[in-house]
Amino acid sequence: MKISGLGVRGETWRHEANAAIVRDAIGILGVERCMFASNFPVDSLVGSFDAIFNGFRAIVADLPFAAQRQLFHDNAMRIYRIQAARDDRA
């Protein structure tokens, strides 16, 4: 599940207002089946990219680093089959 496009109608994006739905989604589907995503530029109507990204970080700050990495990176790499760039300088 891509976790994105959240907000309370008529309000600026705040992690406090969105935390429950994010944590419920992760709790129901599991960290291995969720990832954070961006709906920019549409999301800019309710908040800056930094505000939303940092809000997601705050919502999951209590999770282990490995779980956070799955939500912000690993799951997208796996689901979209993105290959990590190789550093041939070594």
C-alpha atoms as a PDB file:
ATOM      1  CA  MET A   1       0.000   0.000   0.000  1.00  0.00           C
ATOM      2  CA  LYS A   2       1.313   3.408  -0.910  1.00  0.00           C
ATOM      3  CA  ILE A   3       0.685   5.694   2.039  1.00  0.00           C
ATOM      4  CA  SER A   4       0.128   9.127   0.542  1.00  0.00           C
ATOM      5  CA  GLY A   5      -2.482  11.722  -0.271  1.00  0.00           C
ATOM      6  CA  LEU A   6      -3.574  12.052   3.340  1.00  0.00           C
ATOM      7  CA  GLY A   7      -4.952  15.119   4.977  1.00  0.00           C
ATOM      8  CA  VAL A   8      -7.807  16.683   6.834  1.00  0.00           C
ATOM      9  CA  ARG A   9     -10.034  18.755   4.576  1.00  0.00           C
ATOM     10  CA  GLY A  10      -9.357  22.464   4.934  1.00  0.00           C
ATOM     11  CA  GLU A  11      -6.340  22.013   7.214  1.00  0.00           C
ATOM     12  CA  THR A  12      -2.597  22.206   6.740  1.00  0.00           C
ATOM     13  CA  TRP A  13      -0.923  18.765   6.806  1.00  0.00           C
ATOM     14  CA  ARG A  14       0.117  17.827  10.337  1.00  0.00           C
ATOM     15  CA  HIS A  15       1.483  14.495  11.460  1.00  0.00           C
ATOM     16  CA  GLU A  16      -0.701  14.593  14.581  1.00  0.00           C
ATOM     17  CA  ALA A  17      -3.826  14.641  12.409  1.00  0.00           C
ATOM     18  CA  ASN A  18      -2.633  11.827  10.132  1.00  0.00           C
ATOM     19  CA  ALA A  19      -0.776   9.528  12.508  1.00  0.00           C
ATOM     20  CA  ALA A  20      -3.710   7.262  13.360  1.00  0.00           C
ATOM     21  CA  ILE A  21      -4.506   6.312   9.766  1.00  0.00           C
ATOM     22  CA  VAL A  22      -0.828   5.762   8.927  1.00  0.00           C
ATOM     23  CA  ARG A  23      -0.292   3.560  11.988  1.00  0.00           C
ATOM     24  CA  ASP A  24      -3.544   1.669  11.309  1.00  0.00           C
ATOM     25  CA  ALA A  25      -2.493   0.948   7.716  1.00  0.00           C
ATOM     26  CA  ILE A  26       0.900  -0.321   8.872  1.00  0.00           C
ATOM     27  CA  GLY A  27      -0.697  -2.304  11.687  1.00  0.00           C
ATOM     28  CA  ILE A  28      -3.229  -3.975   9.402  1.00  0.00           C
ATOM     29  CA  LEU A  29      -1.003  -4.683   6.391  1.00  0.00           C
ATOM     30  CA  GLY A  30       2.388  -4.971   8.046  1.00  0.00           C
ATOM     31  CA  VAL A  31       5.504  -2.938   7.459  1.00  0.00           C
ATOM     32  CA  GLU A  32       6.576  -5.217   4.601  1.00  0.00           C
ATOM     33  CA  ARG A  33       3.449  -4.335   2.585  1.00  0.00           C
ATOM     34  CA  CYS A  34       3.454  -0.530   3.015  1.00  0.00           C
ATOM     35  CA  MET A  35       5.565   2.339   1.700  1.00  0.00           C
ATOM     36  CA  PHE A  36       5.471   6.083   1.933  1.00  0.00           C
ATOM     37  CA  ALA A  37       4.812   7.933  -1.300  1.00  0.00           C
ATOM     38  CA  SER A  38       4.379  11.463  -2.561  1.00  0.00           C
ATOM     39  CA  ASN A  39       1.503  12.955  -4.522  1.00  0.00           C
ATOM     40  CA  PHE A  40       3.367  16.110  -5.413  1.00  0.00           C
ATOM     41  CA  PRO A  41       2.524  18.577  -6.758  1.00  0.00           C
ATOM     42  CA  VAL A  42      -1.081  17.909  -5.674  1.00  0.00           C
ATOM     43  CA  ASP A  43      -0.085  17.449  -2.005  1.00  0.00           C
ATOM     44  CA  SER A  44       1.433  20.932  -2.047  1.00  0.00           C
ATOM     45  CA  LEU A  45      -2.125  22.192  -1.574  1.00  0.00           C
ATOM     46  CA  VAL A  46      -1.972  20.995   2.053  1.00  0.00           C
ATOM     47  CA  GLY A  47       1.710  21.105   2.942  1.00  0.00           C
ATOM     48  CA  SER A  48       5.283  21.311   1.768  1.00  0.00           C
ATOM     49  CA  PHE A  49       7.170  18.177   0.767  1.00  0.00           C
ATOM     50  CA  ASP A  50       9.416  18.614   3.816  1.00  0.00           C
ATOM     51  CA  ALA A  51       6.452  18.941   6.181  1.00  0.00           C
ATOM     52  CA  ILE A  52       4.826  15.764   4.870  1.00  0.00           C
ATOM     53  CA  PHE A  53       8.066  13.759   4.661  1.00  0.00           C
ATOM     54  CA  ASN A  54       9.133  14.810   8.147  1.00  0.00           C
ATOM     55  CA  GLY A  55       5.620  14.085   9.379  1.00  0.00           C
ATOM     56  CA  PHE A  56       5.889  10.507   8.103  1.00  0.00           C
ATOM     57  CA  ARG A  57       9.271  10.270   9.846  1.00  0.00           C
ATOM     58  CA  ALA A  58       7.766  11.492  13.124  1.00  0.00           C
ATOM     59  CA  ILE A  59       4.857   9.053  12.882  1.00  0.00           C
ATOM     60  CA  VAL A  60       7.170   6.030  12.673  1.00  0.00           C
ATOM     61  CA  ALA A  61      10.070   7.352  14.764  1.00  0.00           C
ATOM     62  CA  ASP A  62       9.422   4.718  17.427  1.00  0.00           C
ATOM     63  CA  LEU A  63       9.727   1.811  14.970  1.00  0.00           C
ATOM     64  CA  PRO A  64      13.032  -0.017  14.569  1.00  0.00           C
ATOM     65  CA  PHE A  65      15.392   1.398  11.950  1.00  0.00           C
ATOM     66  CA  ALA A  66      14.886  -1.671   9.726  1.00  0.00           C
ATOM     67  CA  ALA A  67      11.117  -1.071   9.647  1.00  0.00           C
ATOM     68  CA  GLN A  68      11.589   2.609   8.827  1.00  0.00           C
ATOM     69  CA  ARG A  69      13.987   1.685   6.043  1.00  0.00           C
ATOM     70  CA  GLN A  70      11.376  -0.667   4.582  1.00  0.00           C
ATOM     71  CA  LEU A  71       8.730   2.066   4.611  1.00  0.00           C
ATOM     72  CA  PHE A  72      10.942   4.786   3.119  1.00  0.00           C
ATOM     73  CA  HIS A  73      13.164   2.749   0.779  1.00  0.00           C
ATOM     74  CA  ASP A  74      13.370  -1.025   0.697  1.00  0.00           C
ATOM     75  CA  ASN A  75       9.743  -1.809  -0.147  1.00  0.00           C
ATOM     76  CA  ALA A  76       9.720   0.577  -3.115  1.00  0.00           C
ATOM     77  CA  MET A  77      12.991  -0.892  -4.381  1.00  0.00           C
ATOM     78  CA  ARG A  78      11.538  -4.401  -4.152  1.00  0.00           C
ATOM     79  CA  ILE A  79       8.031  -3.706  -5.458  1.00  0.00           C
ATOM     80  CA  TYR A  80       9.150  -1.546  -8.389  1.00  0.00           C
ATOM     81  CA  ARG A  81      12.150  -3.809  -9.026  1.00  0.00           C
ATOM     82  CA  ILE A  82      14.602  -0.938  -8.854  1.00  0.00           C
ATOM     83  CA  GLN A  83      18.224  -1.974  -8.998  1.00  0.00           C
ATOM     84  CA  ALA A  84      20.626  -0.148  -6.715  1.00  0.00           C
ATOM     85  CA  ALA A  85      23.256   1.828  -8.582  1.00  0.00           C
ATOM     86  CA  ARG A  86      26.634   0.153  -8.608  1.00  0.00           C
ATOM     87  CA  ASP A  87      29.685   2.121  -7.692  1.00  0.00           C
ATOM     88  CA  ASP A  88      32.352   0.968 -10.156  1.00  0.00           C
ATOM     89  CA  ARG A  89      34.957   3.287  -8.645  1.00  0.00           C
ATOM     90  CA  ALA A  90      35.931   0.767  -5.985  1.00  0.00           C
END
